[in-house]
PDB file of N, CA and C in Angstrom:
ATOM      1  N   MET A   1     101.604 -45.048  86.934  1.00  0.00           N
ATOM      2  CA  MET A   1     100.170 -44.405  86.748  1.00  0.00           C
ATOM      3  C   MET A   1      98.785 -44.865  86.346  1.00  0.00           C
ATOM      4  N   ILE A   2      97.934 -45.072  86.868  1.00  0.00           N
ATOM      5  CA  ILE A   2      96.449 -45.418  86.687  1.00  0.00           C
ATOM      6  C   ILE A   2      95.970 -44.329  85.872  1.00  0.00           C
ATOM      7  N   ARG A   3      95.182 -45.346  84.752  1.00  0.00           N
ATOM      8  CA  ARG A   3      94.336 -43.958  83.848  1.00  0.00           C
ATOM      9  C   ARG A   3      92.989 -44.736  84.056  1.00  0.00           C
ATOM     10  N   ASN A   4      92.522 -43.145  83.633  1.00  0.00           N
ATOM     11  CA  ASN A   4      90.773 -43.736  83.658  1.00  0.00           C
ATOM     12  C   ASN A   4      90.105 -44.256  82.391  1.00  0.00           C
ATOM     13  N   PHE A   5      89.259 -44.668  82.469  1.00  0.00           N
ATOM     14  CA  PHE A   5      88.657 -45.351  81.087  1.00  0.00           C
ATOM     15  C   PHE A   5      87.027 -45.379  81.360  1.00  0.00           C
ATOM     16  N   ASN A   6      86.530 -45.570  80.154  1.00  0.00           N
ATOM     17  CA  ASN A   6      84.556 -45.648  80.451  1.00  0.00           C
ATOM     18  C   ASN A   6      84.836 -46.744  79.384  1.00  0.00           C
ATOM     19  N   GLU A   7      84.721 -48.009  79.480  1.00  0.00           N
ATOM     20  CA  GLU A   7      84.357 -48.934  78.824  1.00  0.00           C
ATOM     21  C   GLU A   7      83.353 -50.013  78.950  1.00  0.00           C
ATOM     22  N   VAL A   8      82.428 -50.534  78.055  1.00  0.00           N
ATOM     23  CA  VAL A   8      81.643 -51.092  78.423  1.00  0.00           C
ATOM     24  C   VAL A   8      81.606 -52.556  77.445  1.00  0.00           C
ATOM     25  N   ARG A   9      80.987 -53.817  77.855  1.00  0.00           N
ATOM     26  CA  ARG A   9      80.957 -54.761  77.088  1.00  0.00           C
ATOM     27  C   ARG A   9      79.775 -55.341  77.458  1.00  0.00           C
ATOM     28  N   LEU A  10      78.946 -55.566  76.658  1.00  0.00           N
ATOM     29  CA  LEU A  10      77.347 -56.222  76.734  1.00  0.00           C
ATOM     30  C   LEU A  10      77.426 -57.429  75.982  1.00  0.00           C
ATOM     31  N   LEU A  11      76.447 -58.524  76.165  1.00  0.00           N
ATOM     32  CA  LEU A  11      76.091 -59.552  75.324  1.00  0.00           C
ATOM     33  C   LEU A  11      74.538 -59.609  75.765  1.00  0.00           C
ATOM     34  N   GLY A  12      73.961 -59.563  74.921  1.00  0.00           N
ATOM     35  CA  GLY A  12      72.139 -59.540  74.874  1.00  0.00           C
ATOM     36  C   GLY A  12      71.424 -59.947  73.981  1.00  0.00           C
ATOM     37  N   ASN A  13      69.969 -60.068  73.960  1.00  0.00           N
ATOM     38  CA  ASN A  13      69.168 -60.117  73.014  1.00  0.00           C
ATOM     39  C   ASN A  13      68.892 -58.893  72.730  1.00  0.00           C
ATOM     40  N   VAL A  14      68.282 -58.428  71.517  1.00  0.00           N
ATOM     41  CA  VAL A  14      67.757 -57.126  71.280  1.00  0.00           C
ATOM     42  C   VAL A  14      66.294 -57.145  71.681  1.00  0.00           C
ATOM     43  N   GLY A  15      65.987 -56.406  71.940  1.00  0.00           N
ATOM     44  CA  GLY A  15      64.484 -56.203  71.959  1.00  0.00           C
ATOM     45  C   GLY A  15      63.570 -55.499  71.505  1.00  0.00           C
ATOM     46  N   ARG A  16      64.322 -54.693  70.298  1.00  0.00           N
ATOM     47  CA  ARG A  16      63.371 -53.605  69.403  1.00  0.00           C
ATOM     48  C   ARG A  16      64.178 -53.909  67.789  1.00  0.00           C
ATOM     49  N   THR A  17      63.721 -53.948  67.005  1.00  0.00           N
ATOM     50  CA  THR A  17      64.647 -53.903  65.384  1.00  0.00           C
ATOM     51  C   THR A  17      64.906 -51.947  65.531  1.00  0.00           C
ATOM     52  N   PRO A  18      66.238 -51.915  65.361  1.00  0.00           N
ATOM     53  CA  PRO A  18      66.981 -50.145  65.255  1.00  0.00           C
ATOM     54  C   PRO A  18      65.997 -49.911  63.757  1.00  0.00           C
ATOM     55  N   GLU A  19      65.742 -48.570  63.799  1.00  0.00           N
ATOM     56  CA  GLU A  19      65.135 -48.039  62.911  1.00  0.00           C
ATOM     57  C   GLU A  19      66.440 -46.849  62.530  1.00  0.00           C
ATOM     58  N   LEU A  20      66.881 -46.472  61.439  1.00  0.00           N
ATOM     59  CA  LEU A  20      67.501 -45.438  61.149  1.00  0.00           C
ATOM     60  C   LEU A  20      66.941 -44.133  60.678  1.00  0.00           C
ATOM     61  N   ARG A  21      67.050 -42.948  61.269  1.00  0.00           N
ATOM     62  CA  ARG A  21      66.924 -42.144  61.283  1.00  0.00           C
ATOM     63  C   ARG A  21      68.101 -40.970  61.064  1.00  0.00           C
ATOM     64  N   GLN A  22      68.322 -39.519  60.713  1.00  0.00           N
ATOM     65  CA  GLN A  22      68.918 -38.487  60.572  1.00  0.00           C
ATOM     66  C   GLN A  22      68.782 -37.511  61.797  1.00  0.00           C
ATOM     67  N   THR A  23      69.971 -36.576  62.566  1.00  0.00           N
ATOM     68  CA  THR A  23      69.663 -35.816  63.284  1.00  0.00           C
ATOM     69  C   THR A  23      69.110 -34.602  62.527  1.00  0.00           C
ATOM     70  N   GLN A  24      68.462 -33.675  62.817  1.00  0.00           N
ATOM     71  CA  GLN A  24      68.023 -32.241  62.238  1.00  0.00           C
ATOM     72  C   GLN A  24      68.927 -31.485  61.973  1.00  0.00           C
ATOM     73  N   LYS A  25      69.803 -31.445  62.962  1.00  0.00           N
ATOM     74  CA  LYS A  25      71.012 -30.419  62.915  1.00  0.00           C
ATOM     75  C   LYS A  25      71.939 -30.370  61.697  1.00  0.00           C
ATOM     76  N   ASN A  26      72.400 -32.088  61.698  1.00  0.00           N
ATOM     77  CA  ASN A  26      73.231 -32.419  60.355  1.00  0.00           C
ATOM     78  C   ASN A  26      73.476 -33.411  59.737  1.00  0.00           C
ATOM     79  N   ASN A  27      72.085 -34.005  59.810  1.00  0.00           N
ATOM     80  CA  ASN A  27      71.914 -35.027  58.898  1.00  0.00           C
ATOM     81  C   ASN A  27      72.692 -36.054  59.378  1.00  0.00           C
ATOM     82  N   MET A  28      73.125 -36.301  60.861  1.00  0.00           N
ATOM     83  CA  MET A  28      73.985 -37.392  60.733  1.00  0.00           C
ATOM     84  C   MET A  28      72.847 -38.752  60.950  1.00  0.00           C
ATOM     85  N   PRO A  29      73.450 -39.863  60.645  1.00  0.00           N
ATOM     86  CA  PRO A  29      72.915 -41.105  60.811  1.00  0.00           C
ATOM     87  C   PRO A  29      72.923 -41.692  62.112  1.00  0.00           C
ATOM     88  N   VAL A  30      71.695 -42.138  62.853  1.00  0.00           N
ATOM     89  CA  VAL A  30      71.249 -42.782  64.151  1.00  0.00           C
ATOM     90  C   VAL A  30      70.516 -43.339  64.145  1.00  0.00           C
ATOM     91  N   THR A  31      70.286 -44.447  65.086  1.00  0.00           N
ATOM     92  CA  THR A  31      69.698 -45.695  65.486  1.00  0.00           C
ATOM     93  C   THR A  31      69.906 -45.772  66.863  1.00  0.00           C
ATOM     94  N   ASP A  32      68.619 -46.061  67.395  1.00  0.00           N
ATOM     95  CA  ASP A  32      69.593 -47.610  68.802  1.00  0.00           C
ATOM     96  C   ASP A  32      68.217 -48.665  68.855  1.00  0.00           C
ATOM     97  N   PHE A  33      68.364 -48.791  69.777  1.00  0.00           N
ATOM     98  CA  PHE A  33      67.597 -50.410  70.315  1.00  0.00           C
ATOM     99  C   PHE A  33      68.251 -50.722  71.423  1.00  0.00           C
ATOM    100  N   SER A  34      66.952 -51.652  72.307  1.00  0.00           N
ATOM    101  CA  SER A  34      67.359 -52.163  73.378  1.00  0.00           C
ATOM    102  C   SER A  34      67.855 -53.240  73.573  1.00  0.00           C
ATOM    103  N   LEU A  35      68.446 -53.729  74.515  1.00  0.00           N
ATOM    104  CA  LEU A  35      69.348 -54.826  74.807  1.00  0.00           C
ATOM    105  C   LEU A  35      69.206 -55.689  76.052  1.00  0.00           C
ATOM    106  N   ALA A  36      68.654 -56.701  76.231  1.00  0.00           N
ATOM    107  CA  ALA A  36      68.543 -57.241  77.463  1.00  0.00           C
ATOM    108  C   ALA A  36      69.252 -58.302  77.731  1.00  0.00           C
ATOM    109  N   THR A  37      69.829 -58.018  79.160  1.00  0.00           N
ATOM    110  CA  THR A  37      70.835 -58.911  79.379  1.00  0.00           C
ATOM    111  C   THR A  37      70.237 -59.598  80.710  1.00  0.00           C
ATOM    112  N   THR A  38      70.562 -60.727  81.040  1.00  0.00           N
ATOM    113  CA  THR A  38      69.495 -61.823  81.867  1.00  0.00           C
ATOM    114  C   THR A  38      70.801 -62.394  82.675  1.00  0.00           C
ATOM    115  N   LYS A  39      70.637 -62.386  84.037  1.00  0.00           N
ATOM    116  CA  LYS A  39      71.609 -62.768  84.924  1.00  0.00           C
ATOM    117  C   LYS A  39      70.625 -64.074  85.662  1.00  0.00           C
ATOM    118  N   ARG A  40      71.415 -65.057  85.648  1.00  0.00           N
ATOM    119  CA  ARG A  40      70.853 -66.386  86.031  1.00  0.00           C
ATOM    120  C   ARG A  40      71.738 -66.800  87.644  1.00  0.00           C
ATOM    121  N   TRP A  41      70.453 -67.332  88.474  1.00  0.00           N
ATOM    122  CA  TRP A  41      71.717 -67.847  89.651  1.00  0.00           C
ATOM    123  C   TRP A  41      70.439 -69.226  90.608  1.00  0.00           C
ATOM    124  N   TYR A  42      71.358 -69.919  91.274  1.00  0.00           N
ATOM    125  CA  TYR A  42      70.045 -70.592  91.955  1.00  0.00           C
ATOM    126  C   TYR A  42      70.210 -70.146  93.629  1.00  0.00           C
ATOM    127  N   THR A  43      69.110 -70.132  94.308  1.00  0.00           N
ATOM    128  CA  THR A  43      69.077 -70.199  95.765  1.00  0.00           C
ATOM    129  C   THR A  43      69.924 -71.477  96.497  1.00  0.00           C
ATOM    130  N   LYS A  44      69.805 -71.531  97.685  1.00  0.00           N
ATOM    131  CA  LYS A  44      70.130 -72.441  98.353  1.00  0.00           C
ATOM    132  C   LYS A  44      69.514 -73.730  98.581  1.00  0.00           C
ATOM    133  N   GLU A  45      68.050 -73.219  97.989  1.00  0.00           N
ATOM    134  CA  GLU A  45      66.947 -74.262  98.098  1.00  0.00           C
ATOM    135  C   GLU A  45      66.703 -74.922  96.592  1.00  0.00           C
ATOM    136  N   GLY A  46      67.920 -74.562  95.928  1.00  0.00           N
ATOM    137  CA  GLY A  46      67.768 -75.114  94.376  1.00  0.00           C
ATOM    138  C   GLY A  46      66.997 -74.349  93.471  1.00  0.00           C
ATOM    139  N   GLU A  47      66.273 -73.399  93.923  1.00  0.00           N
ATOM    140  CA  GLU A  47      65.313 -72.216  92.702  1.00  0.00           C
ATOM    141  C   GLU A  47      65.947 -71.619  92.198  1.00  0.00           C
ATOM    142  N   GLU A  48      65.684 -71.998  90.817  1.00  0.00           N
ATOM    143  CA  GLU A  48      66.617 -70.793  90.052  1.00  0.00           C
ATOM    144  C   GLU A  48      65.912 -69.519  89.847  1.00  0.00           C
ATOM    145  N   LYS A  49      66.846 -68.423  89.657  1.00  0.00           N
ATOM    146  CA  LYS A  49      66.153 -66.869  89.630  1.00  0.00           C
ATOM    147  C   LYS A  49      66.786 -66.195  88.749  1.00  0.00           C
ATOM    148  N   MET A  50      65.965 -65.296  88.317  1.00  0.00           N
ATOM    149  CA  MET A  50      66.293 -64.385  86.658  1.00  0.00           C
ATOM    150  C   MET A  50      66.289 -63.185  86.959  1.00  0.00           C
ATOM    151  N   LEU A  51      67.487 -62.408  86.528  1.00  0.00           N
ATOM    152  CA  LEU A  51      67.148 -60.671  86.635  1.00  0.00           C
ATOM    153  C   LEU A  51      67.846 -60.172  85.459  1.00  0.00           C
ATOM    154  N   THR A  52      66.595 -59.679  84.572  1.00  0.00           N
ATOM    155  CA  THR A  52      67.005 -59.031  83.331  1.00  0.00           C
ATOM    156  C   THR A  52      67.083 -57.326  83.420  1.00  0.00           C
ATOM    157  N   HIS A  53      68.131 -56.919  82.926  1.00  0.00           N
ATOM    158  CA  HIS A  53      68.331 -55.481  82.924  1.00  0.00           C
ATOM    159  C   HIS A  53      68.316 -55.045  81.056  1.00  0.00           C
ATOM    160  N   TRP A  54      67.507 -53.661  80.750  1.00  0.00           N
ATOM    161  CA  TRP A  54      67.611 -53.376  79.692  1.00  0.00           C
ATOM    162  C   TRP A  54      68.586 -52.225  79.828  1.00  0.00           C
ATOM    163  N   HIS A  55      69.046 -52.180  78.639  1.00  0.00           N
ATOM    164  CA  HIS A  55      70.336 -51.125  78.332  1.00  0.00           C
ATOM    165  C   HIS A  55      69.798 -50.643  76.869  1.00  0.00           C
ATOM    166  N   LYS A  56      69.703 -49.284  76.464  1.00  0.00           N
ATOM    167  CA  LYS A  56      69.515 -48.443  75.726  1.00  0.00           C
ATOM    168  C   LYS A  56      71.098 -48.243  75.118  1.00  0.00           C
ATOM    169  N   ILE A  57      71.239 -48.998  73.711  1.00  0.00           N
ATOM    170  CA  ILE A  57      71.921 -49.146  72.949  1.00  0.00           C
ATOM    171  C   ILE A  57      71.811 -47.699  71.506  1.00  0.00           C
ATOM    172  N   VAL A  58      72.796 -46.601  71.228  1.00  0.00           N
ATOM    173  CA  VAL A  58      72.484 -46.086  70.487  1.00  0.00           C
ATOM    174  C   VAL A  58      74.054 -45.915  69.547  1.00  0.00           C
ATOM    175  N   LEU A  59      73.542 -45.800  68.565  1.00  0.00           N
ATOM    176  CA  LEU A  59      74.797 -45.712  67.061  1.00  0.00           C
ATOM    177  C   LEU A  59      74.502 -44.628  66.392  1.00  0.00           C
ATOM    178  N   TRP A  60      75.928 -44.299  65.826  1.00  0.00           N
ATOM    179  CA  TRP A  60      76.162 -43.149  64.950  1.00  0.00           C
ATOM    180  C   TRP A  60      76.575 -43.725  63.465  1.00  0.00           C
ATOM    181  N   GLY A  61      76.325 -42.794  62.904  1.00  0.00           N
ATOM    182  CA  GLY A  61      77.048 -42.789  61.309  1.00  0.00           C
ATOM    183  C   GLY A  61      77.002 -43.839  60.585  1.00  0.00           C
ATOM    184  N   LYS A  62      77.927 -44.602  60.083  1.00  0.00           N
ATOM    185  CA  LYS A  62      77.984 -45.794  59.505  1.00  0.00           C
ATOM    186  C   LYS A  62      77.624 -46.802  60.592  1.00  0.00           C
ATOM    187  N   ASN A  63      77.959 -46.961  61.679  1.00  0.00           N
ATOM    188  CA  ASN A  63      77.455 -47.946  62.735  1.00  0.00           C
ATOM    189  C   ASN A  63      76.365 -47.901  62.700  1.00  0.00           C
ATOM    190  N   ALA A  64      75.421 -47.190  62.805  1.00  0.00           N
ATOM    191  CA  ALA A  64      74.016 -46.845  62.979  1.00  0.00           C
ATOM    192  C   ALA A  64      73.560 -47.551  61.359  1.00  0.00           C
ATOM    193  N   GLU A  65      74.088 -47.315  60.608  1.00  0.00           N
ATOM    194  CA  GLU A  65      73.738 -47.534  58.956  1.00  0.00           C
ATOM    195  C   GLU A  65      73.320 -48.986  59.052  1.00  0.00           C
ATOM    196  N   SER A  66      74.712 -49.613  59.681  1.00  0.00           N
ATOM    197  CA  SER A  66      74.822 -51.056  59.566  1.00  0.00           C
ATOM    198  C   SER A  66      74.107 -51.655  60.450  1.00  0.00           C
ATOM    199  N   ALA A  67      73.764 -51.095  61.545  1.00  0.00           N
ATOM    200  CA  ALA A  67      72.863 -51.799  62.686  1.00  0.00           C
ATOM    201  C   ALA A  67      71.857 -51.961  61.886  1.00  0.00           C
ATOM    202  N   ALA A  68      70.820 -50.546  61.082  1.00  0.00           N
ATOM    203  CA  ALA A  68      69.805 -50.785  60.828  1.00  0.00           C
ATOM    204  C   ALA A  68      69.403 -52.062  59.742  1.00  0.00           C
ATOM    205  N   GLN A  69      70.082 -52.260  59.105  1.00  0.00           N
ATOM    206  CA  GLN A  69      70.369 -53.403  58.264  1.00  0.00           C
ATOM    207  C   GLN A  69      70.158 -55.027  58.337  1.00  0.00           C
ATOM    208  N   ILE A  70      71.209 -54.980  59.545  1.00  0.00           N
ATOM    209  CA  ILE A  70      72.308 -56.056  60.106  1.00  0.00           C
ATOM    210  C   ILE A  70      70.916 -56.692  61.509  1.00  0.00           C
ATOM    211  N   ILE A  71      70.831 -55.874  62.276  1.00  0.00           N
ATOM    212  CA  ILE A  71      69.926 -56.150  63.746  1.00  0.00           C
ATOM    213  C   ILE A  71      68.643 -56.575  63.572  1.00  0.00           C
ATOM    214  N   LYS A  72      68.184 -57.596  64.014  1.00  0.00           N
ATOM    215  CA  LYS A  72      66.569 -57.757  64.290  1.00  0.00           C
ATOM    216  C   LYS A  72      66.350 -58.201  65.772  1.00  0.00           C
ATOM    217  N   LYS A  73      65.178 -57.943  65.827  1.00  0.00           N
ATOM    218  CA  LYS A  73      64.620 -58.282  67.121  1.00  0.00           C
ATOM    219  C   LYS A  73      64.819 -59.640  67.653  1.00  0.00           C
ATOM    220  N   GLY A  74      65.597 -59.865  68.741  1.00  0.00           N
ATOM    221  CA  GLY A  74      65.569 -61.473  69.431  1.00  0.00           C
ATOM    222  C   GLY A  74      66.925 -61.431  68.953  1.00  0.00           C
ATOM    223  N   ASP A  75      67.648 -60.842  68.239  1.00  0.00           N
ATOM    224  CA  ASP A  75      68.900 -61.414  67.699  1.00  0.00           C
ATOM    225  C   ASP A  75      70.071 -60.842  68.912  1.00  0.00           C
ATOM    226  N   LEU A  76      71.144 -62.245  69.137  1.00  0.00           N
ATOM    227  CA  LEU A  76      71.967 -61.845  70.321  1.00  0.00           C
ATOM    228  C   LEU A  76      73.306 -61.245  69.777  1.00  0.00           C
ATOM    229  N   VAL A  77      73.353 -60.095  70.466  1.00  0.00           N
ATOM    230  CA  VAL A  77      74.557 -59.099  69.950  1.00  0.00           C
ATOM    231  C   VAL A  77      75.371 -58.911  70.971  1.00  0.00           C
ATOM    232  N   LEU A  78      76.775 -58.897  70.589  1.00  0.00           N
ATOM    233  CA  LEU A  78      77.770 -58.323  71.328  1.00  0.00           C
ATOM    234  C   LEU A  78      78.056 -56.654  70.998  1.00  0.00           C
ATOM    235  N   VAL A  79      77.932 -55.985  72.302  1.00  0.00           N
ATOM    236  CA  VAL A  79      77.976 -54.690  72.014  1.00  0.00           C
ATOM    237  C   VAL A  79      79.147 -54.240  72.668  1.00  0.00           C
ATOM    238  N   ASP A  80      80.335 -53.278  72.192  1.00  0.00           N
ATOM    239  CA  ASP A  80      81.659 -52.597  72.924  1.00  0.00           C
ATOM    240  C   ASP A  80      81.184 -51.464  72.818  1.00  0.00           C
ATOM    241  N   GLY A  81      81.673 -50.222  74.195  1.00  0.00           N
ATOM    242  CA  GLY A  81      81.224 -48.896  73.873  1.00  0.00           C
ATOM    243  C   GLY A  81      81.415 -48.245  75.228  1.00  0.00           C
ATOM    244  N   GLU A  82      80.704 -47.160  75.063  1.00  0.00           N
ATOM    245  CA  GLU A  82      80.632 -46.389  76.442  1.00  0.00           C
ATOM    246  C   GLU A  82      79.561 -45.886  77.280  1.00  0.00           C
ATOM    247  N   ILE A  83      79.516 -45.955  78.638  1.00  0.00           N
ATOM    248  CA  ILE A  83      78.389 -45.422  78.905  1.00  0.00           C
ATOM    249  C   ILE A  83      78.339 -43.798  79.070  1.00  0.00           C
ATOM    250  N   SER A  84      76.990 -43.226  78.727  1.00  0.00           N
ATOM    251  CA  SER A  84      76.603 -41.980  78.319  1.00  0.00           C
ATOM    252  C   SER A  84      75.518 -41.435  79.394  1.00  0.00           C
ATOM    253  N   TYR A  85      75.841 -40.544  80.174  1.00  0.00           N
ATOM    254  CA  TYR A  85      74.506 -40.033  80.581  1.00  0.00           C
ATOM    255  C   TYR A  85      74.190 -38.884  80.557  1.00  0.00           C
ATOM    256  N   ARG A  86      72.893 -38.009  80.395  1.00  0.00           N
ATOM    257  CA  ARG A  86      72.210 -37.291  79.467  1.00  0.00           C
ATOM    258  C   ARG A  86      70.833 -37.012  80.410  1.00  0.00           C
ATOM    259  N   SER A  87      70.471 -35.590  80.425  1.00  0.00           N
ATOM    260  CA  SER A  87      69.361 -34.981  81.257  1.00  0.00           C
ATOM    261  C   SER A  87      68.671 -34.339  80.181  1.00  0.00           C
ATOM    262  N   TYR A  88      67.262 -34.482  80.019  1.00  0.00           N
ATOM    263  CA  TYR A  88      66.707 -33.179  79.470  1.00  0.00           C
ATOM    264  C   TYR A  88      65.425 -33.155  79.804  1.00  0.00           C
ATOM    265  N   GLU A  89      64.461 -31.623  79.530  1.00  0.00           N
ATOM    266  CA  GLU A  89      63.591 -31.461  80.007  1.00  0.00           C
ATOM    267  C   GLU A  89      62.207 -32.030  79.112  1.00  0.00           C
ATOM    268  N   LYS A  90      61.000 -32.636  80.034  1.00  0.00           N
ATOM    269  CA  LYS A  90      59.807 -32.853  79.095  1.00  0.00           C
ATOM    270  C   LYS A  90      58.649 -32.786  80.515  1.00  0.00           C
ATOM    271  N   ASP A  91      57.636 -31.679  80.021  1.00  0.00           N
ATOM    272  CA  ASP A  91      56.794 -31.378  80.998  1.00  0.00           C
ATOM    273  C   ASP A  91      57.349 -30.758  82.051  1.00  0.00           C
ATOM    274  N   GLY A  92      57.963 -30.113  81.868  1.00  0.00           N
ATOM    275  CA  GLY A  92      58.547 -29.262  83.294  1.00  0.00           C
ATOM    276  C   GLY A  92      59.797 -30.413  84.053  1.00  0.00           C
ATOM    277  N   GLU A  93      59.628 -31.216  83.937  1.00  0.00           N
ATOM    278  CA  GLU A  93      60.316 -32.295  84.492  1.00  0.00           C
ATOM    279  C   GLU A  93      61.706 -32.768  84.195  1.00  0.00           C
ATOM    280  N   THR A  94      62.662 -32.669  84.623  1.00  0.00           N
ATOM    281  CA  THR A  94      64.432 -32.755  84.327  1.00  0.00           C
ATOM    282  C   THR A  94      64.186 -34.538  84.451  1.00  0.00           C
ATOM    283  N   ARG A  95      64.700 -35.020  83.230  1.00  0.00           N
ATOM    284  CA  ARG A  95      64.808 -36.482  83.254  1.00  0.00           C
ATOM    285  C   ARG A  95      66.183 -36.877  82.774  1.00  0.00           C
ATOM    286  N   GLN A  96      66.309 -37.964  83.452  1.00  0.00           N
ATOM    287  CA  GLN A  96      68.327 -38.576  83.668  1.00  0.00           C
ATOM    288  C   GLN A  96      67.645 -40.095  82.051  1.00  0.00           C
ATOM    289  N   VAL A  97      68.497 -39.743  81.588  1.00  0.00           N
ATOM    290  CA  VAL A  97      69.074 -41.206  80.450  1.00  0.00           C
ATOM    291  C   VAL A  97      70.440 -41.659  80.906  1.00  0.00           C
ATOM    292  N   THR A  98      70.300 -42.952  80.825  1.00  0.00           N
ATOM    293  CA  THR A  98      71.540 -43.303  80.525  1.00  0.00           C
ATOM    294  C   THR A  98      71.686 -44.681  79.299  1.00  0.00           C
ATOM    295  N   GLU A  99      72.526 -44.229  78.692  1.00  0.00           N
ATOM    296  CA  GLU A  99      72.712 -45.027  77.488  1.00  0.00           C
ATOM    297  C   GLU A  99      73.933 -45.557  76.929  1.00  0.00           C
ATOM    298  N   ILE A 100      74.059 -46.739  76.623  1.00  0.00           N
ATOM    299  CA  ILE A 100      75.487 -47.241  75.924  1.00  0.00           C
ATOM    300  C   ILE A 100      75.786 -46.962  73.994  1.00  0.00           C
ATOM    301  N   GLU A 101      76.989 -45.980  74.365  1.00  0.00           N
ATOM    302  CA  GLU A 101      77.087 -45.354  73.010  1.00  0.00           C
ATOM    303  C   GLU A 101      78.104 -46.145  72.499  1.00  0.00           C
ATOM    304  N   CYS A 102      77.753 -47.331  71.533  1.00  0.00           N
ATOM    305  CA  CYS A 102      78.474 -48.157  71.052  1.00  0.00           C
ATOM    306  C   CYS A 102      79.187 -47.938  69.693  1.00  0.00           C
ATOM    307  N   ASN A 103      80.441 -48.265  70.162  1.00  0.00           N
ATOM    308  CA  ASN A 103      81.393 -47.865  69.166  1.00  0.00           C
ATOM    309  C   ASN A 103      81.198 -49.056  68.009  1.00  0.00           C
ATOM    310  N   ARG A 104      81.137 -50.805  68.416  1.00  0.00           N
ATOM    311  CA  ARG A 104      81.163 -51.920  67.903  1.00  0.00           C
ATOM    312  C   ARG A 104      80.547 -52.798  68.136  1.00  0.00           C
ATOM    313  N   PHE A 105      79.949 -53.556  67.287  1.00  0.00           N
ATOM    314  CA  PHE A 105      78.907 -54.524  67.641  1.00  0.00           C
ATOM    315  C   PHE A 105      79.002 -55.754  66.433  1.00  0.00           C
ATOM    316  N   LEU A 106      78.673 -56.878  67.381  1.00  0.00           N
ATOM    317  CA  LEU A 106      79.236 -58.207  66.555  1.00  0.00           C
ATOM    318  C   LEU A 106      77.722 -58.957  66.745  1.00  0.00           C
ATOM    319  N   LEU A 107      77.212 -59.395  65.643  1.00  0.00           N
ATOM    320  CA  LEU A 107      75.930 -59.820  65.596  1.00  0.00           C
ATOM    321  C   LEU A 107      76.949 -61.339  65.605  1.00  0.00           C
ATOM    322  N   MET A 108      75.892 -61.999  67.249  1.00  0.00           N
ATOM    323  CA  MET A 108      76.358 -63.466  67.225  1.00  0.00           C
ATOM    324  C   MET A 108      75.071 -64.405  66.815  1.00  0.00           C
ATOM    325  N   GLU A 109      74.323 -64.247  66.824  1.00  0.00           N
ATOM    326  CA  GLU A 109      73.231 -65.247  66.651  1.00  0.00           C
ATOM    327  C   GLU A 109      71.590 -64.705  66.112  1.00  0.00           C
ATOM    328  N   SER A 110      71.473 -64.784  64.759  1.00  0.00           N
ATOM    329  CA  SER A 110      70.376 -64.217  64.238  1.00  0.00           C
ATOM    330  C   SER A 110      69.058 -65.170  64.467  1.00  0.00           C
ATOM    331  N   LYS A 111      67.765 -64.387  64.650  1.00  0.00           N
ATOM    332  CA  LYS A 111      66.866 -64.909  65.089  1.00  0.00           C
ATOM    333  C   LYS A 111      65.625 -64.568  63.771  1.00  0.00           C
ATOM    334  N   GLY A 112      65.475 -65.309  63.111  1.00  0.00           N
ATOM    335  CA  GLY A 112      64.542 -65.119  61.953  1.00  0.00           C
ATOM    336  C   GLY A 112      65.303 -64.036  60.614  1.00  0.00           C
ATOM    337  N   ASN A 113      66.121 -64.194  60.183  1.00  0.00           N
ATOM    338  CA  ASN A 113      67.003 -63.587  59.409  1.00  0.00           C
ATOM    339  C   ASN A 113      68.184 -64.331  58.625  1.00  0.00           C
ATOM    340  N   ASP A 114      68.410 -63.708  57.552  1.00  0.00           N
ATOM    341  CA  ASP A 114      69.541 -65.205  57.091  1.00  0.00           C
ATOM    342  C   ASP A 114      70.599 -64.602  57.106  1.00  0.00           C
ATOM    343  N   ASN A 115      71.052 -63.575  58.125  1.00  0.00           N
ATOM    344  CA  ASN A 115      72.445 -62.788  58.328  1.00  0.00           C
ATOM    345  C   ASN A 115      73.433 -63.712  59.014  1.00  0.00           C
ATOM    346  N   ASP A 116      74.576 -63.746  58.526  1.00  0.00           N
ATOM    347  CA  ASP A 116      75.470 -64.497  59.025  1.00  0.00           C
ATOM    348  C   ASP A 116      76.369 -63.696  60.213  1.00  0.00           C
ATOM    349  N   ALA A 117      77.167 -64.208  60.934  1.00  0.00           N
ATOM    350  CA  ALA A 117      77.676 -63.187  62.146  1.00  0.00           C
ATOM    351  C   ALA A 117      78.809 -61.952  61.189  1.00  0.00           C
ATOM    352  N   SER A 118      78.402 -60.970  61.569  1.00  0.00           N
ATOM    353  CA  SER A 118      78.629 -59.773  61.052  1.00  0.00           C
ATOM    354  C   SER A 118      79.493 -58.718  62.319  1.00  0.00           C
ATOM    355  N   GLU A 119      80.471 -57.945  61.907  1.00  0.00           N
ATOM    356  CA  GLU A 119      81.059 -57.481  62.491  1.00  0.00           C
ATOM    357  C   GLU A 119      81.265 -55.818  62.128  1.00  0.00           C
ATOM    358  N   VAL A 120      80.915 -54.724  63.129  1.00  0.00           N
ATOM    359  CA  VAL A 120      80.742 -53.691  62.350  1.00  0.00           C
ATOM    360  C   VAL A 120      82.066 -52.955  63.389  1.00  0.00           C
ATOM    361  N   VAL A 121      83.054 -52.338  63.044  1.00  0.00           N
ATOM    362  CA  VAL A 121      84.079 -51.823  63.915  1.00  0.00           C
ATOM    363  C   VAL A 121      83.726 -50.358  63.692  1.00  0.00           C
ATOM    364  N   GLY A 122      84.062 -49.410  64.758  1.00  0.00           N
ATOM    365  CA  GLY A 122      83.799 -48.015  64.741  1.00  0.00           C
ATOM    366  C   GLY A 122      84.351 -47.185  63.307  1.00  0.00           C
ATOM    367  N   GLU A 123      83.720 -45.927  63.245  1.00  0.00           N
ATOM    368  CA  GLU A 123      84.170 -45.238  62.514  1.00  0.00           C
ATOM    369  C   GLU A 123      85.842 -44.511  62.809  1.00  0.00           C
TER     370      GLU A 123
END
């Protein structure tokens, strides 16, 4: 029997240092950051091409607290999670958001801070 699953694994560079905040409803810790993944290839003529995709990474609870302490802009981070879609209203328009809800992350390479490789496993 084939089973469905929603799993995402990304390796990329952090575009913005995460800032920890609390949800208004139940004071749950939450943070997010942008992660850039870049695809490189060569044309038939030998010209290098690059395409960068930006992903919004969202962390909750202890993962959010750890990410805010460990992750900095420019770091190379491996993210495991699931893709999430939601919509909201702003100025009378419905807007769509695609996010990666991070269950676990691994700091692979740190830029400009003294962190060693650090893994955080989901709650």
